[in-house]
């Protein structure tokens, strides 16, 4: 089981956004991943790590990830042969 960690800024009120990403990833990957939400108060942080490796950082990557891109990055690391249905098309 892979571990996805979403660190979000509490001052920016990004809990709902972090929760939505967690929900989407759990819906797609089910028991293949475990998701942890990590509140942070250092200002403007929104970072996603998989197995301790950063796969998205709001500041470095220029905003928030599209859910399609995030799921593809996760899939490519934990189960490259897994299909993502309509997300793999177009």
N, C-alpha and C. Protein backbone atom coordinates (compact mmCIF):
# COMPACT_ATOMS: atom_id res chain seq x y z
N UNK A 1 0.85 -1.18 0.00
CA UNK A 1 0.00 0.00 0.00
C UNK A 1 0.89 1.24 0.00
N UNK A 2 0.65 2.14 -0.94
CA UNK A 2 1.41 3.37 -1.05
C UNK A 2 0.83 4.43 -0.11
N UNK A 3 1.69 5.32 0.35
CA UNK A 3 1.27 6.38 1.26
C UNK A 3 1.32 7.72 0.54
N UNK A 4 0.16 8.37 0.44
CA UNK A 4 0.03 9.70 -0.13
C UNK A 4 -0.17 10.69 1.01
N UNK A 5 0.62 11.73 1.02
CA UNK A 5 0.53 12.74 2.08
C UNK A 5 0.25 14.10 1.45
N UNK A 6 -0.82 14.73 1.89
CA UNK A 6 -1.20 16.05 1.38
C UNK A 6 -1.03 17.06 2.51
N UNK A 7 -0.08 17.96 2.35
CA UNK A 7 0.17 19.00 3.33
C UNK A 7 -0.46 20.29 2.82
N UNK A 8 -1.27 20.91 3.68
CA UNK A 8 -2.03 22.08 3.23
C UNK A 8 -1.95 23.19 4.28
N UNK A 9 -2.08 24.43 3.82
CA UNK A 9 -2.03 25.61 4.69
C UNK A 9 -3.39 25.82 5.36
N UNK A 10 -3.38 25.84 6.69
CA UNK A 10 -4.63 26.08 7.41
C UNK A 10 -5.04 27.55 7.33
N UNK A 11 -4.05 28.45 7.27
CA UNK A 11 -4.35 29.87 7.18
C UNK A 11 -5.02 30.25 5.87
N UNK A 12 -4.74 29.47 4.82
CA UNK A 12 -5.33 29.72 3.50
C UNK A 12 -6.66 28.98 3.33
N UNK A 13 -7.06 28.24 4.35
CA UNK A 13 -8.31 27.48 4.33
C UNK A 13 -8.36 26.46 3.19
N UNK A 14 -7.27 25.71 3.01
CA UNK A 14 -7.21 24.74 1.93
C UNK A 14 -7.55 23.32 2.39
N UNK A 15 -8.16 23.18 3.55
CA UNK A 15 -8.57 21.86 4.02
C UNK A 15 -9.56 21.20 3.06
N UNK A 16 -10.57 21.94 2.60
CA UNK A 16 -11.56 21.36 1.69
C UNK A 16 -10.91 20.90 0.39
N UNK A 17 -9.98 21.68 -0.12
CA UNK A 17 -9.27 21.31 -1.35
C UNK A 17 -8.45 20.04 -1.10
N UNK A 18 -7.74 20.00 0.01
CA UNK A 18 -6.94 18.82 0.35
C UNK A 18 -7.84 17.59 0.50
N UNK A 19 -8.97 17.78 1.16
CA UNK A 19 -9.92 16.69 1.35
C UNK A 19 -10.50 16.19 0.04
N UNK A 20 -10.75 17.10 -0.89
CA UNK A 20 -11.28 16.71 -2.19
C UNK A 20 -10.25 15.87 -2.96
N UNK A 21 -8.98 16.32 -2.95
CA UNK A 21 -7.92 15.54 -3.60
C UNK A 21 -7.84 14.15 -2.97
N UNK A 22 -7.89 14.09 -1.64
CA UNK A 22 -7.83 12.80 -0.94
C UNK A 22 -8.99 11.91 -1.37
N UNK A 23 -10.18 12.47 -1.39
CA UNK A 23 -11.37 11.70 -1.78
C UNK A 23 -11.24 11.17 -3.20
N UNK A 24 -10.82 12.01 -4.11
CA UNK A 24 -10.65 11.60 -5.51
C UNK A 24 -9.64 10.47 -5.64
N UNK A 25 -8.53 10.59 -4.94
CA UNK A 25 -7.48 9.57 -5.02
C UNK A 25 -7.94 8.26 -4.39
N UNK A 26 -8.62 8.34 -3.26
CA UNK A 26 -9.14 7.13 -2.63
C UNK A 26 -10.21 6.47 -3.49
N UNK A 27 -11.03 7.26 -4.15
CA UNK A 27 -12.06 6.70 -5.03
C UNK A 27 -11.43 5.96 -6.21
N UNK A 28 -10.33 6.48 -6.70
CA UNK A 28 -9.67 5.87 -7.85
C UNK A 28 -8.80 4.68 -7.48
N UNK A 29 -8.01 4.81 -6.40
CA UNK A 29 -7.01 3.80 -6.08
C UNK A 29 -7.42 2.86 -4.94
N UNK A 30 -8.49 3.19 -4.24
CA UNK A 30 -9.02 2.30 -3.21
C UNK A 30 -7.98 1.88 -2.18
N UNK A 31 -7.85 0.60 -1.97
CA UNK A 31 -6.94 0.09 -0.94
C UNK A 31 -5.48 0.07 -1.37
N UNK A 32 -5.19 0.54 -2.58
CA UNK A 32 -3.79 0.60 -3.04
C UNK A 32 -3.04 1.78 -2.43
N UNK A 33 -3.78 2.73 -1.85
CA UNK A 33 -3.12 3.87 -1.21
C UNK A 33 -3.74 4.15 0.16
N UNK A 34 -2.94 4.83 0.95
CA UNK A 34 -3.38 5.36 2.25
C UNK A 34 -3.10 6.86 2.16
N UNK A 35 -4.05 7.68 2.58
CA UNK A 35 -3.91 9.13 2.46
C UNK A 35 -3.88 9.77 3.84
N UNK A 36 -2.94 10.67 4.01
CA UNK A 36 -2.84 11.44 5.25
C UNK A 36 -2.91 12.92 4.90
N UNK A 37 -3.76 13.65 5.63
CA UNK A 37 -3.82 15.11 5.49
C UNK A 37 -3.00 15.72 6.61
N UNK A 38 -2.12 16.66 6.25
CA UNK A 38 -1.22 17.26 7.22
C UNK A 38 -1.42 18.78 7.23
N UNK A 39 -2.02 19.32 8.29
CA UNK A 39 -2.18 20.77 8.37
C UNK A 39 -0.85 21.46 8.62
N UNK A 40 -0.68 22.64 8.03
CA UNK A 40 0.57 23.40 8.15
C UNK A 40 0.21 24.87 8.32
N UNK A 41 0.95 25.57 9.15
CA UNK A 41 0.65 26.99 9.36
C UNK A 41 1.80 27.91 8.95
N UNK A 42 2.67 27.42 8.07
CA UNK A 42 3.82 28.24 7.67
C UNK A 42 3.50 29.19 6.51
N UNK A 43 2.30 29.09 5.95
CA UNK A 43 1.86 30.05 4.94
C UNK A 43 1.98 29.59 3.51
N UNK A 44 0.85 29.35 2.89
CA UNK A 44 0.82 29.07 1.46
C UNK A 44 1.24 27.69 1.02
N UNK A 45 1.41 26.79 1.95
CA UNK A 45 1.89 25.44 1.61
C UNK A 45 0.76 24.58 1.06
N UNK A 46 1.02 23.96 -0.07
CA UNK A 46 0.16 22.89 -0.58
C UNK A 46 1.09 21.95 -1.33
N UNK A 47 1.38 20.83 -0.68
CA UNK A 47 2.38 19.90 -1.19
C UNK A 47 1.82 18.48 -1.13
N UNK A 48 2.11 17.71 -2.14
CA UNK A 48 1.65 16.32 -2.19
C UNK A 48 2.88 15.43 -2.36
N UNK A 49 2.99 14.43 -1.49
CA UNK A 49 4.11 13.50 -1.55
C UNK A 49 3.57 12.07 -1.61
N UNK A 50 4.25 11.24 -2.37
CA UNK A 50 3.92 9.83 -2.47
C UNK A 50 5.13 9.04 -2.02
N UNK A 51 4.96 8.24 -0.99
CA UNK A 51 6.07 7.46 -0.42
C UNK A 51 7.24 8.37 -0.05
N UNK A 52 6.93 9.55 0.46
CA UNK A 52 7.95 10.48 0.91
C UNK A 52 8.59 11.31 -0.19
N UNK A 53 8.24 11.06 -1.45
CA UNK A 53 8.79 11.80 -2.58
C UNK A 53 7.77 12.82 -3.06
N UNK A 54 8.20 14.08 -3.12
CA UNK A 54 7.28 15.14 -3.55
C UNK A 54 6.88 14.92 -5.00
N UNK A 55 5.56 14.92 -5.25
CA UNK A 55 5.08 14.81 -6.62
C UNK A 55 4.35 16.08 -7.06
N UNK A 56 4.07 16.98 -6.10
CA UNK A 56 3.48 18.28 -6.46
C UNK A 56 3.74 19.27 -5.33
N UNK A 57 4.10 20.49 -5.71
CA UNK A 57 4.26 21.59 -4.76
C UNK A 57 3.66 22.83 -5.41
N UNK A 58 2.70 23.42 -4.75
CA UNK A 58 1.98 24.58 -5.32
C UNK A 58 2.94 25.68 -5.74
N UNK A 59 3.93 25.97 -4.92
CA UNK A 59 4.86 27.06 -5.23
C UNK A 59 5.79 26.70 -6.39
N UNK A 60 6.34 25.51 -6.37
CA UNK A 60 7.29 25.09 -7.41
C UNK A 60 6.61 24.77 -8.73
N UNK A 61 5.40 24.21 -8.66
CA UNK A 61 4.71 23.74 -9.87
C UNK A 61 3.68 24.71 -10.40
N UNK A 62 3.56 25.88 -9.78
CA UNK A 62 2.69 26.92 -10.31
C UNK A 62 1.20 26.72 -10.10
N UNK A 63 0.81 26.46 -8.88
CA UNK A 63 -0.61 26.32 -8.57
C UNK A 63 -0.97 24.92 -8.12
N UNK A 64 -2.23 24.61 -8.26
CA UNK A 64 -2.74 23.31 -7.83
C UNK A 64 -2.81 22.37 -9.02
N UNK A 65 -2.62 21.08 -8.78
CA UNK A 65 -2.64 20.15 -9.91
C UNK A 65 -4.06 19.89 -10.41
N UNK A 66 -4.17 19.66 -11.70
CA UNK A 66 -5.42 19.14 -12.25
C UNK A 66 -5.53 17.71 -11.71
N UNK A 67 -6.73 17.27 -11.39
CA UNK A 67 -6.90 15.94 -10.80
C UNK A 67 -6.41 14.86 -11.76
N UNK A 68 -6.59 15.07 -13.04
CA UNK A 68 -6.12 14.10 -14.04
C UNK A 68 -4.60 13.92 -13.92
N UNK A 69 -3.86 15.03 -13.87
CA UNK A 69 -2.39 14.97 -13.79
C UNK A 69 -1.94 14.31 -12.49
N UNK A 70 -2.61 14.63 -11.39
CA UNK A 70 -2.25 14.04 -10.10
C UNK A 70 -2.46 12.53 -10.11
N UNK A 71 -3.61 12.10 -10.58
CA UNK A 71 -3.90 10.65 -10.62
C UNK A 71 -2.93 9.93 -11.54
N UNK A 72 -2.57 10.54 -12.65
CA UNK A 72 -1.62 9.92 -13.56
C UNK A 72 -0.24 9.79 -12.91
N UNK A 73 0.18 10.81 -12.18
CA UNK A 73 1.48 10.73 -11.49
C UNK A 73 1.48 9.63 -10.43
N UNK A 74 0.38 9.53 -9.71
CA UNK A 74 0.28 8.48 -8.70
C UNK A 74 0.28 7.11 -9.37
N UNK A 75 -0.55 6.94 -10.37
CA UNK A 75 -0.64 5.66 -11.09
C UNK A 75 0.71 5.25 -11.66
N UNK A 76 1.42 6.22 -12.27
CA UNK A 76 2.70 5.91 -12.91
C UNK A 76 3.73 5.40 -11.91
N UNK A 77 3.57 5.75 -10.63
CA UNK A 77 4.51 5.32 -9.60
C UNK A 77 4.09 4.03 -8.90
N UNK A 78 2.78 3.85 -8.71
CA UNK A 78 2.37 2.68 -7.92
C UNK A 78 1.86 1.51 -8.75
N UNK A 79 1.36 1.79 -9.97
CA UNK A 79 0.80 0.71 -10.79
C UNK A 79 0.71 1.18 -12.25
N UNK A 80 1.86 1.24 -12.94
CA UNK A 80 1.90 1.81 -14.29
C UNK A 80 0.96 1.15 -15.29
N UNK A 81 0.59 -0.09 -15.07
CA UNK A 81 -0.29 -0.80 -15.99
C UNK A 81 -1.77 -0.53 -15.75
N UNK A 82 -2.07 0.14 -14.66
CA UNK A 82 -3.47 0.41 -14.29
C UNK A 82 -4.09 1.43 -15.25
N UNK A 83 -5.28 1.15 -15.68
CA UNK A 83 -6.01 2.09 -16.52
C UNK A 83 -6.78 3.07 -15.65
N UNK A 84 -6.91 4.29 -16.14
CA UNK A 84 -7.67 5.30 -15.40
C UNK A 84 -8.95 5.68 -16.15
N UNK A 85 -9.40 4.80 -17.01
CA UNK A 85 -10.66 5.03 -17.71
C UNK A 85 -10.62 6.28 -18.55
N UNK A 86 -11.62 7.13 -18.39
CA UNK A 86 -11.74 8.34 -19.21
C UNK A 86 -10.58 9.30 -18.99
N UNK A 87 -9.89 9.22 -17.87
CA UNK A 87 -8.76 10.12 -17.62
C UNK A 87 -7.58 9.83 -18.54
N UNK A 88 -7.50 8.61 -19.06
CA UNK A 88 -6.42 8.26 -19.98
C UNK A 88 -6.73 8.67 -21.42
N UNK A 89 -7.95 9.03 -21.68
CA UNK A 89 -8.33 9.46 -23.03
C UNK A 89 -8.33 10.96 -23.12
N UNK A 90 -8.03 11.45 -24.28
CA UNK A 90 -8.11 12.88 -24.55
C UNK A 90 -7.01 13.60 -24.02
